[in-house]
Amino acid sequence: GATPDLTPAARLARISTIQAVLVVLMVLAATAMAR
């Protein structure tokens, strides 16, 4: 029932965005491999 420490939220958002880009690159690699 406590409020979490939200100070790292902006950094976590940046990390998540970078990870999303990396997932897209993984999809590109996977489709290249499949071909």
PDB file of all heavy atoms in Angstrom:
ATOM      1  N   GLY A   1       0.802  -1.221   0.000  1.00  0.00           N
ATOM      2  CA  GLY A   1       0.000   0.000   0.000  1.00  0.00           C
ATOM      3  C   GLY A   1       0.832   1.267   0.000  1.00  0.00           C
ATOM      4  O   GLY A   1       0.304   2.358   0.188  1.00  0.00           O
ATOM      5  N   ALA A   2       2.136   1.134  -0.248  1.00  0.00           N
ATOM      6  CA  ALA A   2       3.033   2.291  -0.277  1.00  0.00           C
ATOM      7  C   ALA A   2       3.224   2.768  -1.712  1.00  0.00           C
ATOM      8  O   ALA A   2       3.019   2.013  -2.666  1.00  0.00           O
ATOM      9  CB  ALA A   2       4.387   1.920   0.321  1.00  0.00           C
ATOM     10  N   THR A   3       3.628   4.017  -1.858  1.00  0.00           N
ATOM     11  CA  THR A   3       3.940   4.569  -3.178  1.00  0.00           C
ATOM     12  C   THR A   3       5.408   4.264  -3.489  1.00  0.00           C
ATOM     13  O   THR A   3       6.286   4.578  -2.690  1.00  0.00           O
ATOM     14  CB  THR A   3       3.714   6.091  -3.201  1.00  0.00           C
ATOM     15  OG1 THR A   3       2.354   6.352  -2.865  1.00  0.00           O
ATOM     16  CG2 THR A   3       4.020   6.669  -4.570  1.00  0.00           C
ATOM     17  N   PRO A   4       5.673   3.654  -4.633  1.00  0.00           N
ATOM     18  CA  PRO A   4       7.055   3.336  -4.978  1.00  0.00           C
ATOM     19  C   PRO A   4       7.873   4.601  -5.279  1.00  0.00           C
ATOM     20  O   PRO A   4       7.315   5.657  -5.578  1.00  0.00           O
ATOM     21  CB  PRO A   4       6.937   2.474  -6.237  1.00  0.00           C
ATOM     22  CG  PRO A   4       5.515   2.345  -6.548  1.00  0.00           C
ATOM     23  CD  PRO A   4       4.722   3.170  -5.609  1.00  0.00           C
ATOM     24  N   ASP A   5       9.184   4.454  -5.210  1.00  0.00           N
ATOM     25  CA  ASP A   5      10.091   5.546  -5.596  1.00  0.00           C
ATOM     26  C   ASP A   5      10.062   5.649  -7.118  1.00  0.00           C
ATOM     27  O   ASP A   5      10.547   4.763  -7.824  1.00  0.00           O
ATOM     28  CB  ASP A   5      11.498   5.244  -5.100  1.00  0.00           C
ATOM     29  CG  ASP A   5      12.530   6.250  -5.579  1.00  0.00           C
ATOM     30  OD1 ASP A   5      12.129   7.348  -6.047  1.00  0.00           O
ATOM     31  OD2 ASP A   5      13.729   5.943  -5.505  1.00  0.00           O
ATOM     32  N   LEU A   6       9.515   6.733  -7.620  1.00  0.00           N
ATOM     33  CA  LEU A   6       9.305   6.897  -9.057  1.00  0.00           C
ATOM     34  C   LEU A   6      10.429   7.658  -9.745  1.00  0.00           C
ATOM     35  O   LEU A   6      10.361   7.900 -10.948  1.00  0.00           O
ATOM     36  CB  LEU A   6       7.966   7.600  -9.303  1.00  0.00           C
ATOM     37  CG  LEU A   6       6.747   6.886  -8.711  1.00  0.00           C
ATOM     38  CD1 LEU A   6       5.502   7.750  -8.860  1.00  0.00           C
ATOM     39  CD2 LEU A   6       6.562   5.529  -9.339  1.00  0.00           C
ATOM     40  N   THR A   7      11.476   8.020  -9.025  1.00  0.00           N
ATOM     41  CA  THR A   7      12.547   8.817  -9.630  1.00  0.00           C
ATOM     42  C   THR A   7      13.224   8.136 -10.817  1.00  0.00           C
ATOM     43  O   THR A   7      13.640   8.828 -11.736  1.00  0.00           O
ATOM     44  CB  THR A   7      13.598   9.244  -8.580  1.00  0.00           C
ATOM     45  OG1 THR A   7      14.080   8.090  -7.898  1.00  0.00           O
ATOM     46  CG2 THR A   7      13.018  10.232  -7.602  1.00  0.00           C
ATOM     47  N   PRO A   8      13.348   6.795 -10.857  1.00  0.00           N
ATOM     48  CA  PRO A   8      13.996   6.196 -12.034  1.00  0.00           C
ATOM     49  C   PRO A   8      13.076   6.023 -13.245  1.00  0.00           C
ATOM     50  O   PRO A   8      13.482   5.451 -14.252  1.00  0.00           O
ATOM     51  CB  PRO A   8      14.489   4.841 -11.531  1.00  0.00           C
ATOM     52  CG  PRO A   8      13.646   4.509 -10.369  1.00  0.00           C
ATOM     53  CD  PRO A   8      13.154   5.806  -9.792  1.00  0.00           C
ATOM     54  N   ALA A   9      11.841   6.520 -13.192  1.00  0.00           N
ATOM     55  CA  ALA A   9      10.867   6.267 -14.268  1.00  0.00           C
ATOM     56  C   ALA A   9      11.359   6.737 -15.631  1.00  0.00           C
ATOM     57  O   ALA A   9      11.215   6.010 -16.625  1.00  0.00           O
ATOM     58  CB  ALA A   9       9.531   6.913 -13.930  1.00  0.00           C
ATOM     59  N   ALA A  10      11.937   7.919 -15.721  1.00  0.00           N
ATOM     60  CA  ALA A  10      12.394   8.432 -17.020  1.00  0.00           C
ATOM     61  C   ALA A  10      13.499   7.546 -17.599  1.00  0.00           C
ATOM     62  O   ALA A  10      13.500   7.232 -18.790  1.00  0.00           O
ATOM     63  CB  ALA A  10      12.875   9.870 -16.886  1.00  0.00           C
ATOM     64  N   ARG A  11      14.424   7.123 -16.749  1.00  0.00           N
ATOM     65  CA  ARG A  11      15.508   6.244 -17.208  1.00  0.00           C
ATOM     66  C   ARG A  11      14.951   4.891 -17.654  1.00  0.00           C
ATOM     67  O   ARG A  11      15.365   4.325 -18.673  1.00  0.00           O
ATOM     68  CB  ARG A  11      16.554   6.067 -16.102  1.00  0.00           C
ATOM     69  CG  ARG A  11      17.739   5.238 -16.565  1.00  0.00           C
ATOM     70  CD  ARG A  11      18.843   5.134 -15.524  1.00  0.00           C
ATOM     71  NE  ARG A  11      18.357   4.412 -14.358  1.00  0.00           N
ATOM     72  CZ  ARG A  11      18.469   4.843 -13.116  1.00  0.00           C
ATOM     73  NH1 ARG A  11      19.043   5.990 -12.855  1.00  0.00           N
ATOM     74  NH2 ARG A  11      18.005   4.118 -12.115  1.00  0.00           N
ATOM     75  N   LEU A  12      13.983   4.370 -16.896  1.00  0.00           N
ATOM     76  CA  LEU A  12      13.355   3.098 -17.259  1.00  0.00           C
ATOM     77  C   LEU A  12      12.595   3.207 -18.576  1.00  0.00           C
ATOM     78  O   LEU A  12      12.574   2.260 -19.362  1.00  0.00           O
ATOM     79  CB  LEU A  12      12.429   2.635 -16.138  1.00  0.00           C
ATOM     80  CG  LEU A  12      13.111   2.276 -14.814  1.00  0.00           C
ATOM     81  CD1 LEU A  12      12.075   2.069 -13.728  1.00  0.00           C
ATOM     82  CD2 LEU A  12      14.001   1.071 -14.971  1.00  0.00           C
ATOM     83  N   ALA A  13      11.981   4.353 -18.828  1.00  0.00           N
ATOM     84  CA  ALA A  13      11.287   4.575 -20.103  1.00  0.00           C
ATOM     85  C   ALA A  13      12.290   4.551 -21.253  1.00  0.00           C
ATOM     86  O   ALA A  13      12.013   3.957 -22.308  1.00  0.00           O
ATOM     87  CB  ALA A  13      10.529   5.900 -20.069  1.00  0.00           C
ATOM     88  N   ARG A  14      13.447   5.187 -21.066  1.00  0.00           N
ATOM     89  CA  ARG A  14      14.488   5.167 -22.118  1.00  0.00           C
ATOM     90  C   ARG A  14      14.984   3.752 -22.370  1.00  0.00           C
ATOM     91  O   ARG A  14      15.143   3.329 -23.521  1.00  0.00           O
ATOM     92  CB  ARG A  14      15.653   6.081 -21.736  1.00  0.00           C
ATOM     93  CG  ARG A  14      15.394   7.549 -21.999  1.00  0.00           C
ATOM     94  CD  ARG A  14      16.658   8.399 -21.867  1.00  0.00           C
ATOM     95  NE  ARG A  14      17.266   8.324 -20.544  1.00  0.00           N
ATOM     96  CZ  ARG A  14      16.882   9.029 -19.484  1.00  0.00           C
ATOM     97  NH1 ARG A  14      15.875   9.867 -19.579  1.00  0.00           N
ATOM     98  NH2 ARG A  14      17.507   8.901 -18.328  1.00  0.00           N
ATOM     99  N   ILE A  15      15.218   3.013 -21.302  1.00  0.00           N
ATOM    100  CA  ILE A  15      15.665   1.619 -21.450  1.00  0.00           C
ATOM    101  C   ILE A  15      14.622   0.824 -22.225  1.00  0.00           C
ATOM    102  O   ILE A  15      14.964   0.064 -23.144  1.00  0.00           O
ATOM    103  CB  ILE A  15      15.938   0.987 -20.069  1.00  0.00           C
ATOM    104  CG1 ILE A  15      17.196   1.590 -19.447  1.00  0.00           C
ATOM    105  CG2 ILE A  15      16.064  -0.538 -20.182  1.00  0.00           C
ATOM    106  CD1 ILE A  15      17.411   1.209 -17.981  1.00  0.00           C
ATOM    107  N   SER A  16      13.362   0.990 -21.884  1.00  0.00           N
ATOM    108  CA  SER A  16      12.279   0.256 -22.559  1.00  0.00           C
ATOM    109  C   SER A  16      12.212   0.614 -24.042  1.00  0.00           C
ATOM    110  O   SER A  16      12.002  -0.266 -24.890  1.00  0.00           O
ATOM    111  CB  SER A  16      10.935   0.547 -21.883  1.00  0.00           C
ATOM    112  OG  SER A  16      10.956   0.089 -20.552  1.00  0.00           O
ATOM    113  N   THR A  17      12.408   1.877 -24.363  1.00  0.00           N
ATOM    114  CA  THR A  17      12.389   2.295 -25.767  1.00  0.00           C
ATOM    115  C   THR A  17      13.553   1.670 -26.529  1.00  0.00           C
ATOM    116  O   THR A  17      13.375   1.177 -27.654  1.00  0.00           O
ATOM    117  CB  THR A  17      12.439   3.834 -25.861  1.00  0.00           C
ATOM    118  OG1 THR A  17      11.296   4.368 -25.177  1.00  0.00           O
ATOM    119  CG2 THR A  17      12.426   4.307 -27.305  1.00  0.00           C
ATOM    120  N   ILE A  18      14.715   1.661 -25.923  1.00  0.00           N
ATOM    121  CA  ILE A  18      15.884   1.021 -26.552  1.00  0.00           C
ATOM    122  C   ILE A  18      15.605  -0.462 -26.760  1.00  0.00           C
ATOM    123  O   ILE A  18      15.903  -1.023 -27.828  1.00  0.00           O
ATOM    124  CB  ILE A  18      17.149   1.244 -25.704  1.00  0.00           C
ATOM    125  CG1 ILE A  18      17.550   2.722 -25.730  1.00  0.00           C
ATOM    126  CG2 ILE A  18      18.291   0.353 -26.180  1.00  0.00           C
ATOM    127  CD1 ILE A  18      18.577   3.106 -24.678  1.00  0.00           C
ATOM    128  N   GLN A  19      15.005  -1.102 -25.771  1.00  0.00           N
ATOM    129  CA  GLN A  19      14.681  -2.522 -25.905  1.00  0.00           C
ATOM    130  C   GLN A  19      13.676  -2.762 -27.028  1.00  0.00           C
ATOM    131  O   GLN A  19      13.781  -3.757 -27.754  1.00  0.00           O
ATOM    132  CB  GLN A  19      14.150  -3.068 -24.579  1.00  0.00           C
ATOM    133  CG  GLN A  19      15.227  -3.184 -23.517  1.00  0.00           C
ATOM    134  CD  GLN A  19      14.661  -3.544 -22.172  1.00  0.00           C
ATOM    135  OE1 GLN A  19      13.689  -2.959 -21.714  1.00  0.00           O
ATOM    136  NE2 GLN A  19      15.283  -4.526 -21.527  1.00  0.00           N
ATOM    137  N   ALA A  20      12.722  -1.864 -27.205  1.00  0.00           N
ATOM    138  CA  ALA A  20      11.753  -2.001 -28.305  1.00  0.00           C
ATOM    139  C   ALA A  20      12.474  -1.961 -29.645  1.00  0.00           C
ATOM    140  O   ALA A  20      12.179  -2.760 -30.546  1.00  0.00           O
ATOM    141  CB  ALA A  20      10.694  -0.907 -28.221  1.00  0.00           C
ATOM    142  N   VAL A  21      13.432  -1.061 -29.785  1.00  0.00           N
ATOM    143  CA  VAL A  21      14.216  -0.983 -31.027  1.00  0.00           C
ATOM    144  C   VAL A  21      14.997  -2.280 -31.225  1.00  0.00           C
ATOM    145  O   VAL A  21      15.054  -2.822 -32.343  1.00  0.00           O
ATOM    146  CB  VAL A  21      15.154   0.245 -31.003  1.00  0.00           C
ATOM    147  CG1 VAL A  21      16.131   0.210 -32.163  1.00  0.00           C
ATOM    148  CG2 VAL A  21      14.335   1.532 -31.014  1.00  0.00           C
ATOM    149  N   LEU A  22      15.560  -2.812 -30.159  1.00  0.00           N
ATOM    150  CA  LEU A  22      16.321  -4.056 -30.260  1.00  0.00           C
ATOM    151  C   LEU A  22      15.426  -5.230 -30.654  1.00  0.00           C
ATOM    152  O   LEU A  22      15.847  -6.113 -31.418  1.00  0.00           O
ATOM    153  CB  LEU A  22      17.045  -4.344 -28.947  1.00  0.00           C
ATOM    154  CG  LEU A  22      18.163  -3.362 -28.589  1.00  0.00           C
ATOM    155  CD1 LEU A  22      18.683  -3.626 -27.182  1.00  0.00           C
ATOM    156  CD2 LEU A  22      19.291  -3.418 -29.608  1.00  0.00           C
ATOM    157  N   VAL A  23      14.181  -5.247 -30.174  1.00  0.00           N
ATOM    158  CA  VAL A  23      13.236  -6.302 -30.576  1.00  0.00           C
ATOM    159  C   VAL A  23      12.971  -6.209 -32.075  1.00  0.00           C
ATOM    160  O   VAL A  23      12.951  -7.230 -32.774  1.00  0.00           O
ATOM    161  CB  VAL A  23      11.922  -6.236 -29.772  1.00  0.00           C
ATOM    162  CG1 VAL A  23      10.871  -7.172 -30.363  1.00  0.00           C
ATOM    163  CG2 VAL A  23      12.164  -6.581 -28.313  1.00  0.00           C
ATOM    164  N   VAL A  24      12.785  -5.005 -32.594  1.00  0.00           N
ATOM    165  CA  VAL A  24      12.568  -4.833 -34.030  1.00  0.00           C
ATOM    166  C   VAL A  24      13.789  -5.345 -34.806  1.00  0.00           C
ATOM    167  O   VAL A  24      13.639  -6.043 -35.822  1.00  0.00           O
ATOM    168  CB  VAL A  24      12.259  -3.355 -34.372  1.00  0.00           C
ATOM    169  CG1 VAL A  24      12.272  -3.123 -35.875  1.00  0.00           C
ATOM    170  CG2 VAL A  24      10.918  -2.947 -33.781  1.00  0.00           C
ATOM    171  N   LEU A  25      14.971  -5.043 -34.330  1.00  0.00           N
ATOM    172  CA  LEU A  25      16.186  -5.546 -34.983  1.00  0.00           C
ATOM    173  C   LEU A  25      16.253  -7.070 -34.920  1.00  0.00           C
ATOM    174  O   LEU A  25      16.699  -7.718 -35.874  1.00  0.00           O
ATOM    175  CB  LEU A  25      17.434  -4.916 -34.361  1.00  0.00           C
ATOM    176  CG  LEU A  25      17.588  -3.409 -34.585  1.00  0.00           C
ATOM    177  CD1 LEU A  25      18.789  -2.877 -33.802  1.00  0.00           C
ATOM    178  CD2 LEU A  25      17.705  -3.083 -36.069  1.00  0.00           C
ATOM    179  N   MET A  26      15.794  -7.649 -33.804  1.00  0.00           N
ATOM    180  CA  MET A  26      15.737  -9.119 -33.710  1.00  0.00           C
ATOM    181  C   MET A  26      14.783  -9.697 -34.757  1.00  0.00           C
ATOM    182  O   MET A  26      15.070 -10.738 -35.350  1.00  0.00           O
ATOM    183  CB  MET A  26      15.284  -9.553 -32.318  1.00  0.00           C
ATOM    184  CG  MET A  26      16.360  -9.497 -31.264  1.00  0.00           C
ATOM    185  SD  MET A  26      15.741 -10.000 -29.640  1.00  0.00           S
ATOM    186  CE  MET A  26      15.195 -11.663 -29.957  1.00  0.00           C
ATOM    187  N   VAL A  27      13.655  -9.037 -34.973  1.00  0.00           N
ATOM    188  CA  VAL A  27      12.703  -9.500 -35.987  1.00  0.00           C
ATOM    189  C   VAL A  27      13.356  -9.445 -37.368  1.00  0.00           C
ATOM    190  O   VAL A  27      13.215 -10.377 -38.173  1.00  0.00           O
ATOM    191  CB  VAL A  27      11.402  -8.675 -35.950  1.00  0.00           C
ATOM    192  CG1 VAL A  27      10.520  -8.969 -37.152  1.00  0.00           C
ATOM    193  CG2 VAL A  27      10.652  -8.940 -34.649  1.00  0.00           C
ATOM    194  N   LEU A  28      14.082  -8.378 -37.638  1.00  0.00           N
ATOM    195  CA  LEU A  28      14.789  -8.280 -38.925  1.00  0.00           C
ATOM    196  C   LEU A  28      15.803  -9.410 -39.067  1.00  0.00           C
ATOM    197  O   LEU A  28      15.908 -10.029 -40.134  1.00  0.00           O
ATOM    198  CB  LEU A  28      15.465  -6.917 -39.056  1.00  0.00           C
ATOM    199  CG  LEU A  28      14.522  -5.722 -39.181  1.00  0.00           C
ATOM    200  CD1 LEU A  28      15.309  -4.415 -39.130  1.00  0.00           C
ATOM    201  CD2 LEU A  28      13.698  -5.817 -40.448  1.00  0.00           C
ATOM    202  N   ALA A  29      16.529  -9.704 -38.010  1.00  0.00           N
ATOM    203  CA  ALA A  29      17.496 -10.806 -38.053  1.00  0.00           C
ATOM    204  C   ALA A  29      16.785 -12.142 -38.256  1.00  0.00           C
ATOM    205  O   ALA A  29      17.228 -12.979 -39.050  1.00  0.00           O
ATOM    206  CB  ALA A  29      18.337 -10.826 -36.778  1.00  0.00           C
ATOM    207  N   ALA A  30      15.679 -12.344 -37.556  1.00  0.00           N
ATOM    208  CA  ALA A  30      14.938 -13.606 -37.674  1.00  0.00           C
ATOM    209  C   ALA A  30      14.412 -13.816 -39.093  1.00  0.00           C
ATOM    210  O   ALA A  30      14.493 -14.919 -39.642  1.00  0.00           O
ATOM    211  CB  ALA A  30      13.787 -13.633 -36.669  1.00  0.00           C
ATOM    212  N   THR A  31      13.879 -12.762 -39.694  1.00  0.00           N
ATOM    213  CA  THR A  31      13.353 -12.916 -41.055  1.00  0.00           C
ATOM    214  C   THR A  31      14.485 -13.102 -42.059  1.00  0.00           C
ATOM    215  O   THR A  31      14.311 -13.809 -43.056  1.00  0.00           O
ATOM    216  CB  THR A  31      12.462 -11.722 -41.444  1.00  0.00           C
ATOM    217  OG1 THR A  31      13.192 -10.510 -41.305  1.00  0.00           O
ATOM    218  CG2 THR A  31      11.210 -11.676 -40.575  1.00  0.00           C
ATOM    219  N   ALA A  32      15.631 -12.493 -41.791  1.00  0.00           N
ATOM    220  CA  ALA A  32      16.788 -12.717 -42.662  1.00  0.00           C
ATOM    221  C   ALA A  32      17.240 -14.182 -42.569  1.00  0.00           C
ATOM    222  O   ALA A  32      17.512 -14.820 -43.598  1.00  0.00           O
ATOM    223  CB  ALA A  32      17.930 -11.784 -42.281  1.00  0.00           C
ATOM    224  N   MET A  33      17.303 -14.691 -41.360  1.00  0.00           N
ATOM    225  CA  MET A  33      17.693 -16.088 -41.160  1.00  0.00           C
ATOM    226  C   MET A  33      16.734 -17.037 -41.856  1.00  0.00           C
ATOM    227  O   MET A  33      17.154 -18.019 -42.476  1.00  0.00           O
ATOM    228  CB  MET A  33      17.678 -16.410 -39.665  1.00  0.00           C
ATOM    229  CG  MET A  33      19.016 -16.523 -39.062  1.00  0.00           C
ATOM    230  SD  MET A  33      19.005 -16.956 -37.305  1.00  0.00           S
ATOM    231  CE  MET A  33      17.366 -17.350 -36.881  1.00  0.00           C
ATOM    232  N   ALA A  34      15.444 -16.757 -41.745  1.00  0.00           N
ATOM    233  CA  ALA A  34      14.434 -17.618 -42.353  1.00  0.00           C
ATOM    234  C   ALA A  34      14.562 -17.679 -43.860  1.00  0.00           C
ATOM    235  O   ALA A  34      14.105 -18.624 -44.493  1.00  0.00           O
ATOM    236  CB  ALA A  34      13.036 -17.146 -41.963  1.00  0.00           C
ATOM    237  N   ARG A  35      15.192 -16.664 -44.436  1.00  0.00           N
ATOM    238  CA  ARG A  35      15.383 -16.626 -45.883  1.00  0.00           C
ATOM    239  C   ARG A  35      16.786 -17.044 -46.310  1.00  0.00           C
ATOM    240  O   ARG A  35      17.205 -16.816 -47.427  1.00  0.00           O
ATOM    241  CB  ARG A  35      15.050 -15.230 -46.406  1.00  0.00           C
ATOM    242  CG  ARG A  35      13.548 -15.113 -46.610  1.00  0.00           C
ATOM    243  CD  ARG A  35      12.978 -13.817 -46.143  1.00  0.00           C
ATOM    244  NE  ARG A  35      11.519 -13.868 -46.113  1.00  0.00           N
ATOM    245  CZ  ARG A  35      10.817 -14.287 -45.064  1.00  0.00           C
ATOM    246  NH1 ARG A  35      11.417 -14.704 -43.991  1.00  0.00           N
ATOM    247  NH2 ARG A  35       9.513 -14.299 -45.085  1.00  0.00           N
TER     248      ARG A  35
END
